[in-house]
N, C-alpha and C. Protein backbone atom coordinates (compact mmCIF):
# COMPACT_ATOMS: atom_id res chain seq x y z
N MET A 1 0.82 -1.18 0.00
CA MET A 1 0.00 0.00 0.00
C MET A 1 0.87 1.26 0.00
N PHE A 2 1.81 1.38 0.96
CA PHE A 2 2.64 2.58 1.04
C PHE A 2 4.04 2.36 0.47
N ASP A 3 4.40 1.22 0.07
CA ASP A 3 5.70 0.91 -0.54
C ASP A 3 6.84 1.51 0.27
N ILE A 4 6.90 1.14 1.54
CA ILE A 4 7.98 1.59 2.42
C ILE A 4 8.97 0.44 2.54
N GLY A 5 10.21 0.72 2.24
CA GLY A 5 11.26 -0.29 2.33
C GLY A 5 11.82 -0.37 3.74
N ALA A 6 12.73 -1.33 3.94
CA ALA A 6 13.33 -1.55 5.26
C ALA A 6 14.18 -0.35 5.69
N SER A 7 14.94 0.22 4.77
CA SER A 7 15.80 1.36 5.13
C SER A 7 14.96 2.59 5.50
N GLU A 8 13.85 2.81 4.79
CA GLU A 8 12.98 3.95 5.10
C GLU A 8 12.31 3.75 6.46
N LEU A 9 11.89 2.52 6.74
CA LEU A 9 11.26 2.21 8.02
C LEU A 9 12.25 2.42 9.17
N LEU A 10 13.51 2.01 8.97
CA LEU A 10 14.54 2.20 9.99
C LEU A 10 14.77 3.68 10.25
N LEU A 11 14.77 4.50 9.21
CA LEU A 11 14.95 5.94 9.36
C LEU A 11 13.79 6.55 10.16
N VAL A 12 12.56 6.12 9.89
CA VAL A 12 11.39 6.63 10.62
C VAL A 12 11.49 6.23 12.10
N VAL A 13 11.91 5.01 12.39
CA VAL A 13 12.03 4.56 13.78
C VAL A 13 13.09 5.37 14.51
N ILE A 14 14.23 5.63 13.86
CA ILE A 14 15.29 6.41 14.51
C ILE A 14 14.83 7.83 14.79
N VAL A 15 14.17 8.47 13.82
CA VAL A 15 13.66 9.83 14.03
C VAL A 15 12.61 9.84 15.14
N ALA A 16 11.73 8.83 15.20
CA ALA A 16 10.71 8.77 16.24
C ALA A 16 11.35 8.62 17.61
N ILE A 17 12.39 7.80 17.71
CA ILE A 17 13.06 7.63 19.01
C ILE A 17 13.72 8.94 19.45
N LEU A 18 14.34 9.66 18.50
CA LEU A 18 15.01 10.92 18.84
C LEU A 18 14.00 12.00 19.22
N VAL A 19 12.88 12.09 18.47
CA VAL A 19 11.90 13.15 18.72
C VAL A 19 11.06 12.83 19.96
N ILE A 20 10.52 11.62 20.03
CA ILE A 20 9.60 11.25 21.12
C ILE A 20 10.39 10.83 22.36
N GLY A 21 11.42 10.12 22.14
CA GLY A 21 12.21 9.61 23.26
C GLY A 21 11.81 8.19 23.58
N PRO A 22 12.79 7.41 24.07
CA PRO A 22 12.51 5.98 24.34
C PRO A 22 11.51 5.78 25.49
N LYS A 23 11.42 6.75 26.38
CA LYS A 23 10.52 6.61 27.53
C LYS A 23 9.05 6.70 27.11
N ASP A 24 8.71 7.61 26.19
CA ASP A 24 7.32 7.82 25.78
C ASP A 24 6.94 7.03 24.52
N MET A 25 7.89 6.25 23.99
CA MET A 25 7.62 5.51 22.74
C MET A 25 6.46 4.51 22.87
N PRO A 26 6.36 3.70 23.96
CA PRO A 26 5.22 2.77 24.04
C PRO A 26 3.87 3.47 24.03
N MET A 27 3.78 4.61 24.73
CA MET A 27 2.51 5.34 24.74
C MET A 27 2.20 5.90 23.35
N ALA A 28 3.21 6.37 22.64
CA ALA A 28 3.00 6.91 21.29
C ALA A 28 2.57 5.81 20.33
N LEU A 29 3.18 4.63 20.45
CA LEU A 29 2.79 3.51 19.58
C LEU A 29 1.36 3.07 19.88
N ARG A 30 0.99 3.06 21.18
CA ARG A 30 -0.36 2.69 21.56
C ARG A 30 -1.37 3.68 20.97
N THR A 31 -1.07 4.96 21.06
CA THR A 31 -1.95 6.00 20.51
C THR A 31 -2.06 5.86 19.00
N ALA A 32 -0.94 5.61 18.33
CA ALA A 32 -0.96 5.43 16.88
C ALA A 32 -1.79 4.19 16.51
N GLY A 33 -1.68 3.13 17.29
CA GLY A 33 -2.47 1.93 17.05
C GLY A 33 -3.96 2.19 17.19
N ARG A 34 -4.33 2.98 18.20
CA ARG A 34 -5.75 3.31 18.39
C ARG A 34 -6.28 4.11 17.20
N TRP A 35 -5.48 5.10 16.75
CA TRP A 35 -5.91 5.89 15.60
C TRP A 35 -6.04 5.03 14.35
N MET A 36 -5.12 4.12 14.16
CA MET A 36 -5.20 3.23 12.99
C MET A 36 -6.43 2.33 13.08
N GLY A 37 -6.76 1.87 14.28
CA GLY A 37 -7.97 1.07 14.47
C GLY A 37 -9.22 1.85 14.13
N LYS A 38 -9.26 3.12 14.57
CA LYS A 38 -10.42 3.95 14.24
C LYS A 38 -10.54 4.16 12.74
N VAL A 39 -9.41 4.43 12.09
CA VAL A 39 -9.43 4.63 10.64
C VAL A 39 -9.91 3.36 9.93
N ARG A 40 -9.46 2.21 10.39
CA ARG A 40 -9.90 0.94 9.78
C ARG A 40 -11.41 0.73 9.97
N ARG A 41 -11.91 1.00 11.18
CA ARG A 41 -13.35 0.82 11.43
C ARG A 41 -14.18 1.74 10.54
N VAL A 42 -13.74 2.99 10.42
CA VAL A 42 -14.47 3.94 9.58
C VAL A 42 -14.43 3.49 8.12
N SER A 43 -13.27 3.04 7.65
CA SER A 43 -13.17 2.61 6.25
C SER A 43 -14.00 1.34 6.02
N ASN A 44 -14.02 0.41 6.99
CA ASN A 44 -14.85 -0.78 6.84
C ASN A 44 -16.33 -0.42 6.82
N HIS A 45 -16.74 0.51 7.66
CA HIS A 45 -18.14 0.96 7.68
C HIS A 45 -18.51 1.61 6.35
N PHE A 46 -17.62 2.44 5.84
CA PHE A 46 -17.85 3.10 4.55
C PHE A 46 -17.94 2.06 3.42
N ARG A 47 -17.02 1.08 3.43
CA ARG A 47 -17.02 0.04 2.40
C ARG A 47 -18.29 -0.80 2.47
N SER A 48 -18.74 -1.16 3.69
CA SER A 48 -19.96 -1.97 3.80
C SER A 48 -21.18 -1.17 3.32
N GLY A 49 -21.20 0.14 3.57
CA GLY A 49 -22.29 0.97 3.07
C GLY A 49 -22.31 1.00 1.55
N LEU A 50 -21.13 1.14 0.94
CA LEU A 50 -21.05 1.12 -0.52
C LEU A 50 -21.48 -0.23 -1.08
N ASP A 51 -21.05 -1.32 -0.44
CA ASP A 51 -21.44 -2.65 -0.89
C ASP A 51 -22.95 -2.83 -0.82
N ALA A 52 -23.57 -2.34 0.25
CA ALA A 52 -25.03 -2.46 0.38
C ALA A 52 -25.73 -1.67 -0.72
N MET A 53 -25.23 -0.46 -1.03
CA MET A 53 -25.84 0.33 -2.10
C MET A 53 -25.69 -0.36 -3.45
N ILE A 54 -24.54 -0.98 -3.69
CA ILE A 54 -24.33 -1.69 -4.96
C ILE A 54 -25.26 -2.89 -5.05
N ARG A 55 -25.41 -3.65 -3.95
CA ARG A 55 -26.32 -4.81 -3.95
C ARG A 55 -27.75 -4.38 -4.23
N GLU A 56 -28.19 -3.27 -3.61
CA GLU A 56 -29.55 -2.79 -3.83
C GLU A 56 -29.75 -2.38 -5.28
N ALA A 57 -28.75 -1.72 -5.86
CA ALA A 57 -28.86 -1.32 -7.27
C ALA A 57 -28.91 -2.54 -8.18
N GLU A 58 -28.09 -3.55 -7.88
CA GLU A 58 -28.12 -4.78 -8.68
C GLU A 58 -29.47 -5.49 -8.55
N MET A 59 -30.04 -5.51 -7.33
CA MET A 59 -31.34 -6.15 -7.14
C MET A 59 -32.42 -5.42 -7.92
N GLU A 60 -32.38 -4.09 -7.94
CA GLU A 60 -33.36 -3.32 -8.71
C GLU A 60 -33.23 -3.63 -10.20
N GLU A 61 -31.98 -3.75 -10.69
CA GLU A 61 -31.78 -4.09 -12.10
C GLU A 61 -32.33 -5.48 -12.40
N MET A 62 -32.07 -6.45 -11.50
CA MET A 62 -32.55 -7.80 -11.72
C MET A 62 -34.07 -7.85 -11.69
N GLU A 63 -34.69 -7.14 -10.76
CA GLU A 63 -36.16 -7.12 -10.69
C GLU A 63 -36.75 -6.50 -11.95
N LYS A 64 -36.12 -5.46 -12.46
CA LYS A 64 -36.60 -4.84 -13.69
C LYS A 64 -36.49 -5.83 -14.85
N LYS A 65 -35.36 -6.54 -14.93
CA LYS A 65 -35.18 -7.52 -16.00
C LYS A 65 -36.21 -8.65 -15.88
N TRP A 66 -36.46 -9.11 -14.64
CA TRP A 66 -37.44 -10.17 -14.43
C TRP A 66 -38.84 -9.72 -14.82
N ARG A 67 -39.19 -8.46 -14.48
CA ARG A 67 -40.51 -7.95 -14.88
C ARG A 67 -40.64 -7.91 -16.40
N GLU A 68 -39.57 -7.47 -17.08
CA GLU A 68 -39.61 -7.42 -18.55
C GLU A 68 -39.73 -8.82 -19.14
N GLN A 69 -38.97 -9.78 -18.60
CA GLN A 69 -39.07 -11.15 -19.09
C GLN A 69 -40.44 -11.74 -18.81
N ASN A 70 -40.99 -11.46 -17.65
CA ASN A 70 -42.32 -11.97 -17.32
C ASN A 70 -43.37 -11.39 -18.26
N ALA A 71 -43.25 -10.09 -18.56
CA ALA A 71 -44.20 -9.47 -19.48
C ALA A 71 -44.07 -10.10 -20.87
N ALA A 72 -42.84 -10.37 -21.31
CA ALA A 72 -42.65 -11.00 -22.62
C ALA A 72 -43.23 -12.40 -22.65
N ILE A 73 -43.06 -13.15 -21.56
CA ILE A 73 -43.60 -14.51 -21.49
C ILE A 73 -45.12 -14.46 -21.49
N MET A 74 -45.70 -13.56 -20.71
CA MET A 74 -47.16 -13.45 -20.66
C MET A 74 -47.73 -13.01 -22.00
N LYS A 75 -46.99 -12.17 -22.71
CA LYS A 75 -47.45 -11.74 -24.04
C LYS A 75 -47.36 -12.91 -25.02
N ALA A 76 -46.33 -13.75 -24.88
CA ALA A 76 -46.15 -14.89 -25.79
C ALA A 76 -47.14 -16.01 -25.49
N HIS A 77 -47.56 -16.15 -24.24
CA HIS A 77 -48.48 -17.22 -23.84
C HIS A 77 -49.68 -16.62 -23.12
N PRO A 78 -50.66 -16.10 -23.86
CA PRO A 78 -51.80 -15.46 -23.21
C PRO A 78 -52.68 -16.44 -22.42
N GLU A 79 -52.65 -17.72 -22.78
CA GLU A 79 -53.49 -18.67 -22.04
C GLU A 79 -52.98 -18.83 -20.61
N ALA A 80 -51.69 -18.71 -20.39
CA ALA A 80 -51.15 -18.80 -19.03
C ALA A 80 -51.54 -17.56 -18.23
N SER A 81 -51.56 -16.41 -18.87
CA SER A 81 -51.92 -15.20 -18.14
C SER A 81 -53.41 -15.22 -17.80
N ALA A 82 -54.25 -15.80 -18.65
CA ALA A 82 -55.68 -15.90 -18.35
C ALA A 82 -55.91 -16.85 -17.18
N GLU A 83 -55.14 -17.92 -17.13
CA GLU A 83 -55.24 -18.87 -16.03
C GLU A 83 -54.83 -18.21 -14.71
N ALA A 84 -53.76 -17.42 -14.75
CA ALA A 84 -53.28 -16.76 -13.55
C ALA A 84 -54.27 -15.70 -13.08
N ALA A 85 -55.02 -15.12 -13.99
CA ALA A 85 -55.99 -14.10 -13.63
C ALA A 85 -57.26 -14.70 -13.05
N GLY A 86 -57.38 -16.02 -13.06
CA GLY A 86 -58.53 -16.67 -12.46
C GLY A 86 -59.63 -16.97 -13.46
N ASN A 87 -59.29 -17.09 -14.73
CA ASN A 87 -60.27 -17.41 -15.75
C ASN A 87 -60.77 -18.83 -15.49
N PRO A 88 -62.09 -19.03 -15.34
CA PRO A 88 -62.58 -20.37 -15.03
C PRO A 88 -62.54 -21.32 -16.21
N ASP A 89 -62.35 -20.83 -17.41
CA ASP A 89 -62.33 -21.69 -18.59
C ASP A 89 -60.92 -21.78 -19.16
N PRO A 90 -60.05 -22.60 -18.54
CA PRO A 90 -58.70 -22.74 -19.11
C PRO A 90 -58.79 -23.51 -20.42
N PRO A 91 -57.80 -23.36 -21.29
CA PRO A 91 -57.83 -24.10 -22.56
C PRO A 91 -57.78 -25.59 -22.30
N ALA A 92 -58.36 -26.35 -23.19
CA ALA A 92 -58.40 -27.81 -23.05
C ALA A 92 -57.00 -28.39 -23.17
N LEU A 93 -56.72 -29.36 -22.31
CA LEU A 93 -55.41 -30.01 -22.35
C LEU A 93 -55.46 -31.18 -23.32
N PRO A 94 -54.35 -31.48 -23.97
CA PRO A 94 -54.34 -32.64 -24.86
C PRO A 94 -54.50 -33.92 -24.05
N PRO A 95 -54.97 -35.00 -24.67
CA PRO A 95 -55.14 -36.25 -23.93
C PRO A 95 -53.79 -36.76 -23.45
N GLN A 96 -53.82 -37.44 -22.29
CA GLN A 96 -52.58 -37.97 -21.73
C GLN A 96 -52.10 -39.14 -22.55
N THR A 97 -50.82 -39.18 -22.74
CA THR A 97 -50.21 -40.31 -23.43
C THR A 97 -49.23 -40.94 -22.48
N SER A 98 -49.00 -42.22 -22.64
CA SER A 98 -48.06 -42.90 -21.76
C SER A 98 -46.64 -42.58 -22.22
N PRO A 99 -45.70 -42.57 -21.29
CA PRO A 99 -44.34 -42.20 -21.66
C PRO A 99 -43.66 -43.23 -22.55
N THR A 100 -44.06 -44.48 -22.46
CA THR A 100 -43.46 -45.50 -23.32
C THR A 100 -44.54 -46.11 -24.20
N PRO A 101 -44.18 -46.49 -25.42
CA PRO A 101 -45.20 -47.02 -26.33
C PRO A 101 -45.78 -48.35 -25.88
N ASP A 102 -45.04 -49.17 -25.14
CA ASP A 102 -45.56 -50.49 -24.75
C ASP A 102 -46.28 -50.46 -23.40
N ALA A 103 -46.40 -49.28 -22.76
CA ALA A 103 -47.13 -49.17 -21.50
C ALA A 103 -48.63 -49.24 -21.80
N PRO A 104 -49.41 -49.85 -20.90
CA PRO A 104 -50.85 -49.95 -21.17
C PRO A 104 -51.51 -48.58 -21.12
N GLN A 105 -52.42 -48.37 -22.04
CA GLN A 105 -53.16 -47.11 -22.11
C GLN A 105 -54.37 -47.21 -21.19
N MET A 106 -54.65 -46.14 -20.43
CA MET A 106 -55.81 -46.11 -19.55
C MET A 106 -56.94 -45.40 -20.25
N GLU A 107 -58.05 -45.96 -20.20
CA GLU A 107 -59.24 -45.32 -20.72
C GLU A 107 -59.67 -44.24 -19.73
N PRO A 108 -60.39 -43.21 -20.18
CA PRO A 108 -60.82 -42.16 -19.25
C PRO A 108 -61.63 -42.68 -18.07
N LEU A 109 -62.49 -43.67 -18.32
CA LEU A 109 -63.28 -44.20 -17.21
C LEU A 109 -62.40 -44.93 -16.21
N ASP A 110 -61.37 -45.62 -16.70
CA ASP A 110 -60.45 -46.31 -15.79
C ASP A 110 -59.70 -45.30 -14.93
N ARG A 111 -59.31 -44.17 -15.54
CA ARG A 111 -58.60 -43.14 -14.77
C ARG A 111 -59.50 -42.59 -13.68
N ASP A 112 -60.78 -42.37 -14.01
CA ASP A 112 -61.71 -41.87 -13.01
C ASP A 112 -61.90 -42.87 -11.88
N ALA A 113 -62.00 -44.14 -12.22
CA ALA A 113 -62.17 -45.18 -11.21
C ALA A 113 -60.93 -45.27 -10.34
N ALA A 114 -59.74 -45.16 -10.96
CA ALA A 114 -58.50 -45.23 -10.18
C ALA A 114 -58.40 -44.02 -9.25
N ALA A 115 -58.80 -42.85 -9.72
CA ALA A 115 -58.75 -41.66 -8.88
C ALA A 115 -59.73 -41.78 -7.73
N HIS A 116 -60.93 -42.33 -8.02
CA HIS A 116 -61.93 -42.50 -6.98
C HIS A 116 -61.42 -43.49 -5.92
N ALA A 117 -60.80 -44.58 -6.35
CA ALA A 117 -60.28 -45.57 -5.41
C ALA A 117 -59.17 -44.95 -4.55
N ALA A 118 -58.33 -44.13 -5.16
CA ALA A 118 -57.26 -43.49 -4.40
C ALA A 118 -57.83 -42.53 -3.37
N ARG A 119 -58.88 -41.80 -3.73
CA ARG A 119 -59.51 -40.90 -2.76
C ARG A 119 -60.12 -41.68 -1.60
N GLU A 120 -60.73 -42.80 -1.92
CA GLU A 120 -61.35 -43.62 -0.86
C GLU A 120 -60.30 -44.16 0.09
N ARG A 121 -59.14 -44.57 -0.45
CA ARG A 121 -58.08 -45.09 0.42
C ARG A 121 -57.51 -43.98 1.29
N ALA A 122 -57.48 -42.75 0.78
CA ALA A 122 -56.89 -41.64 1.52
C ALA A 122 -57.84 -41.09 2.58
N ARG A 123 -59.12 -41.37 2.47
CA ARG A 123 -60.10 -40.84 3.41
C ARG A 123 -59.92 -41.55 4.76
N PRO A 124 -59.91 -40.76 5.85
CA PRO A 124 -59.77 -41.39 7.17
C PRO A 124 -61.00 -42.22 7.50
N ALA A 125 -60.79 -43.25 8.29
CA ALA A 125 -61.87 -44.17 8.64
C ALA A 125 -62.92 -43.45 9.47
N GLY A 126 -64.17 -43.63 9.13
CA GLY A 126 -65.27 -43.07 9.88
C GLY A 126 -65.64 -41.65 9.51
N ALA A 127 -64.89 -41.02 8.60
CA ALA A 127 -65.20 -39.64 8.23
C ALA A 127 -66.14 -39.64 7.04
N ASP A 128 -67.41 -39.43 7.30
CA ASP A 128 -68.44 -39.38 6.26
C ASP A 128 -68.39 -40.59 5.33
N ALA A 129 -68.03 -41.71 5.88
CA ALA A 129 -67.96 -42.92 5.06
C ALA A 129 -69.35 -43.54 4.98
N PRO A 130 -69.74 -43.98 3.80
CA PRO A 130 -71.06 -44.64 3.71
C PRO A 130 -71.01 -45.98 4.45
N PRO A 131 -72.12 -46.44 4.89
CA PRO A 131 -72.12 -47.72 5.62
C PRO A 131 -71.69 -48.83 4.68
N PRO A 132 -71.03 -49.84 5.22
CA PRO A 132 -70.59 -50.96 4.37
C PRO A 132 -71.78 -51.71 3.81
N PRO A 133 -71.63 -52.28 2.62
CA PRO A 133 -72.77 -53.02 2.04
C PRO A 133 -73.12 -54.23 2.89
N LYS A 134 -74.43 -54.55 2.91
CA LYS A 134 -74.89 -55.71 3.69
C LYS A 134 -74.65 -56.98 2.91
N ALA A 135 -74.14 -57.96 3.61
CA ALA A 135 -73.91 -59.26 2.96
C ALA A 135 -75.10 -60.15 3.25
N ASP A 136 -75.73 -60.70 2.24
CA ASP A 136 -76.90 -61.56 2.42
C ASP A 136 -76.52 -63.00 2.33
């Protein structure tokens, strides 16, 4: 930072000993250390304030970019924006296909029956359950 060599440092120490004196040197070094600590704390506080301002500016830029991208996406896909707005008539979905060609295809009625059976299994016992059928 200050590019002080060994010979320059030795010269400063000799002048300090001559001017201050060896008796008061520890107190002078302690005082200099305190001042350096204060300067470091102030500079760290200043640096952290600048970093916080930079982070806030970056966040504002990112939020602006996200808003622009979101607007572009909503403009490109109006059906998604209608769904998000609470439109009760979403566009019809294509029929489900199985991921592999050799997997068995479910008919719509089978899917409904499977969903109904899953709901029945998930329902807690005794909660609005119809009475069991009578065995004759």
